[in-house]
């Protein structure tokens, strides 16, 4: 059976300038905080969190945004010093805030290749842990529904994973079967209703 992941990172766009972490690194006390302060890419991502959080909170003034922020801190702490996990966790949080109304642009220098650091291995299974990356191939690209890509884009991969966008994704439409793809898991949803296994592993 095809497996749909919560969030996969295949490509990201536009760039922002390098910035310091969004918290006081002099007060860093945990392994994950020290790593964020030590690695410019992570510091840059951390600096984007507060504006993304504030935008999302203004657009969605309910409990979803603060709860997402709390979940992010738990997930980041669980990464420890795993840089791939930390990068993925930040990207997942920023993507979640953008889904709730933020408009923060992702740095162009952070891609699936960045997360995998050249260590992605060919696999017949989808990644199951945040920060894990595998090498797979495009099997088929098709409209999300019907025959028109205006309704969205779907892509099936040779490792039985698939991804759906509600937009017309020109880069995916231009891809061909057997094109190699680095697939990384950047987020696993929290607080799913009982019995809701969408996006899960089957």
Protein backbone atom coordinates (compact mmCIF):
# COMPACT_ATOMS: atom_id res chain seq x y z
CA UNK A 1 0.00 0.00 0.00
CA UNK A 2 1.21 3.51 -0.76
CA UNK A 3 2.44 5.46 2.24
CA UNK A 4 1.88 9.19 2.57
CA UNK A 5 4.24 11.05 4.86
CA UNK A 6 3.21 14.04 6.92
CA UNK A 7 5.75 16.37 5.38
CA UNK A 8 8.53 15.66 2.92
CA UNK A 9 11.15 18.13 1.85
CA UNK A 10 12.16 17.87 -1.78
CA UNK A 11 12.99 21.49 -2.56
CA UNK A 12 12.71 24.86 -0.88
CA UNK A 13 12.90 28.46 -2.04
CA UNK A 14 13.65 31.90 -1.52
CA UNK A 15 16.62 33.08 0.48
CA UNK A 16 17.00 35.19 3.59
CA UNK A 17 20.12 36.65 5.19
CA UNK A 18 22.06 34.87 7.93
CA UNK A 19 20.92 35.83 11.43
CA UNK A 20 21.67 34.97 15.04
CA UNK A 21 19.55 32.52 16.98
CA UNK A 22 16.23 33.87 18.23
CA UNK A 23 17.16 33.17 21.87
CA UNK A 24 20.08 34.30 24.04
CA UNK A 25 22.89 31.85 23.33
CA UNK A 26 24.66 32.96 26.52
CA UNK A 27 21.81 31.26 28.38
CA UNK A 28 21.80 28.06 26.29
CA UNK A 29 21.54 25.14 28.70
CA UNK A 30 20.61 22.04 26.67
CA UNK A 31 22.45 20.09 24.00
CA UNK A 32 20.02 21.16 21.27
CA UNK A 33 20.31 24.85 22.23
CA UNK A 34 24.11 24.71 22.11
CA UNK A 35 24.05 23.04 18.69
CA UNK A 36 21.64 25.69 17.37
CA UNK A 37 23.95 28.43 18.59
CA UNK A 38 27.04 26.73 17.13
CA UNK A 39 25.70 26.06 13.63
CA UNK A 40 24.86 29.16 11.51
CA UNK A 41 22.17 27.37 9.47
CA UNK A 42 20.30 26.41 12.62
CA UNK A 43 20.76 29.88 14.13
CA UNK A 44 19.31 31.35 10.96
CA UNK A 45 16.28 29.08 11.12
CA UNK A 46 15.78 29.85 14.81
CA UNK A 47 15.76 33.57 14.06
CA UNK A 48 12.81 32.98 11.70
CA UNK A 49 10.66 31.23 14.30
CA UNK A 50 9.47 34.21 16.31
CA UNK A 51 8.22 36.26 13.32
CA UNK A 52 6.61 33.12 11.90
CA UNK A 53 4.97 32.38 15.25
CA UNK A 54 3.66 35.96 15.62
CA UNK A 55 2.27 36.03 12.08
CA UNK A 56 0.58 32.67 12.51
CA UNK A 57 -0.86 33.66 15.89
CA UNK A 58 -2.32 36.84 14.41
CA UNK A 59 -3.85 34.88 11.55
CA UNK A 60 -5.05 31.96 13.69
CA UNK A 61 -5.78 33.30 17.20
CA UNK A 62 -6.62 29.94 18.75
CA UNK A 63 -4.67 27.31 20.65
CA UNK A 64 -3.21 25.64 17.56
CA UNK A 65 -0.24 28.00 17.18
CA UNK A 66 0.95 27.98 20.83
CA UNK A 67 0.47 24.21 20.94
CA UNK A 68 2.55 23.85 17.77
CA UNK A 69 5.28 25.98 19.36
CA UNK A 70 5.31 23.78 22.47
CA UNK A 71 5.45 20.64 20.32
CA UNK A 72 8.40 22.13 18.42
CA UNK A 73 10.39 22.66 21.61
CA UNK A 74 9.74 19.07 22.71
CA UNK A 75 10.73 17.75 19.29
CA UNK A 76 13.87 19.90 19.10
CA UNK A 77 15.00 18.77 22.55
CA UNK A 78 14.47 15.14 21.52
CA UNK A 79 16.88 15.64 18.59
CA UNK A 80 19.81 16.25 20.96
CA UNK A 81 22.89 16.88 18.79
CA UNK A 82 21.47 15.23 15.64
CA UNK A 83 21.85 18.02 13.09
CA UNK A 84 19.63 16.38 10.45
CA UNK A 85 16.86 16.01 13.02
CA UNK A 86 17.29 19.63 14.16
CA UNK A 87 17.19 21.01 10.60
CA UNK A 88 14.10 18.95 9.86
CA UNK A 89 12.36 19.99 13.07
CA UNK A 90 12.88 23.68 12.31
CA UNK A 91 11.65 23.26 8.74
CA UNK A 92 8.62 21.33 9.97
CA UNK A 93 7.76 24.05 12.50
CA UNK A 94 8.17 26.86 9.98
CA UNK A 95 6.07 24.96 7.45
CA UNK A 96 3.40 24.44 10.11
CA UNK A 97 3.34 28.14 11.02
CA UNK A 98 3.09 29.05 7.34
CA UNK A 99 0.13 26.68 7.03
CA UNK A 100 -1.54 28.71 9.78
CA UNK A 101 -0.97 32.11 8.16
CA UNK A 102 2.73 33.00 8.45
CA UNK A 103 4.59 34.06 5.30
CA UNK A 104 8.20 33.30 6.25
CA UNK A 105 10.41 32.34 3.31
CA UNK A 106 12.77 29.40 3.64
CA UNK A 107 16.51 29.75 2.98
CA UNK A 108 17.44 28.34 -0.44
CA UNK A 109 20.59 26.72 0.90
CA UNK A 110 18.66 24.18 2.99
CA UNK A 111 17.48 21.26 0.88
CA UNK A 112 17.00 17.54 1.23
CA UNK A 113 20.64 17.15 0.22
CA UNK A 114 21.62 19.51 3.07
CA UNK A 115 19.69 17.44 5.59
CA UNK A 116 21.05 14.13 4.33
CA UNK A 117 24.60 15.52 4.08
CA UNK A 118 25.23 13.11 1.21
CA UNK A 119 24.40 10.07 3.36
CA UNK A 120 20.99 9.13 1.93
CA UNK A 121 20.92 5.47 0.89
CA UNK A 122 18.64 3.82 -1.62
CA UNK A 123 15.69 2.32 0.23
CA UNK A 124 12.48 0.51 -0.58
CA UNK A 125 10.87 2.07 2.50
CA UNK A 126 9.89 5.63 3.34
CA UNK A 127 11.78 7.41 6.15
CA UNK A 128 10.16 6.88 9.54
CA UNK A 129 12.17 9.13 11.83
CA UNK A 130 12.39 12.93 11.65
CA UNK A 131 15.66 13.83 9.97
CA UNK A 132 15.98 10.46 8.24
CA UNK A 133 16.58 10.64 4.48
CA UNK A 134 16.44 7.96 1.81
CA UNK A 135 17.24 7.85 -1.88
CA UNK A 136 14.30 6.88 -4.08
CA UNK A 137 13.00 7.46 -7.60
CA UNK A 138 9.99 9.12 -9.17
CA UNK A 139 7.53 6.47 -10.27
CA UNK A 140 4.75 8.66 -11.68
CA UNK A 141 3.57 12.27 -11.56
CA UNK A 142 -0.15 12.87 -12.00
CA UNK A 143 -2.89 15.41 -11.26
CA UNK A 144 -4.10 15.29 -7.65
CA UNK A 145 -7.63 14.62 -8.91
CA UNK A 146 -9.03 14.23 -12.39
CA UNK A 147 -6.95 15.12 -15.42
CA UNK A 148 -5.99 18.72 -14.63
CA UNK A 149 -2.89 19.79 -12.70
CA UNK A 150 -4.75 23.00 -11.76
CA UNK A 151 -6.36 20.94 -8.98
CA UNK A 152 -2.97 19.96 -7.60
CA UNK A 153 -0.07 17.60 -8.19
CA UNK A 154 0.54 14.08 -6.97
CA UNK A 155 3.76 12.10 -7.19
CA UNK A 156 4.34 8.40 -6.52
CA UNK A 157 7.79 7.14 -5.57
CA UNK A 158 9.40 3.75 -6.07
CA UNK A 159 9.64 3.19 -2.29
CA UNK A 160 5.80 3.27 -2.11
CA UNK A 161 5.73 6.77 -0.69
CA UNK A 162 3.66 9.50 -2.29
CA UNK A 163 3.22 13.22 -1.92
CA UNK A 164 0.38 15.56 -2.79
CA UNK A 165 0.31 19.31 -3.33
CA UNK A 166 -2.83 21.39 -3.80
CA UNK A 167 -0.90 23.53 -6.27
CA UNK A 168 0.35 23.00 -9.79
CA UNK A 169 4.00 22.09 -9.14
CA UNK A 170 5.94 22.76 -12.34
CA UNK A 171 9.17 21.18 -11.07
CA UNK A 172 7.35 17.94 -10.31
CA UNK A 173 5.43 17.99 -13.58
CA UNK A 174 8.75 18.37 -15.43
CA UNK A 175 10.25 15.34 -13.68
CA UNK A 176 10.32 11.92 -15.28
CA UNK A 177 10.04 8.32 -14.07
CA UNK A 178 13.32 7.07 -12.56
CA UNK A 179 14.50 10.58 -11.65
CA UNK A 180 16.37 10.21 -8.36
CA UNK A 181 15.01 12.00 -5.31
CA UNK A 182 16.39 12.52 -1.83
CA UNK A 183 13.37 12.13 0.47
CA UNK A 184 13.58 13.38 4.05
CA UNK A 185 10.96 13.25 6.77
CA UNK A 186 10.75 16.67 8.43
CA UNK A 187 7.61 16.40 10.52
CA UNK A 188 5.24 13.95 12.16
CA UNK A 189 1.87 15.41 13.19
CA UNK A 190 0.92 15.68 16.86
CA UNK A 191 -2.52 15.48 18.47
CA UNK A 192 -4.23 13.44 15.77
CA UNK A 193 -7.82 12.45 16.57
CA UNK A 194 -8.33 8.88 17.74
CA UNK A 195 -8.54 6.54 14.77
CA UNK A 196 -7.14 9.13 12.31
CA UNK A 197 -4.21 7.35 10.68
CA UNK A 198 -3.87 9.57 7.60
CA UNK A 199 -0.22 10.07 6.72
CA UNK A 200 0.75 7.09 8.82
CA UNK A 201 2.68 3.99 7.94
CA UNK A 202 0.75 0.95 6.76
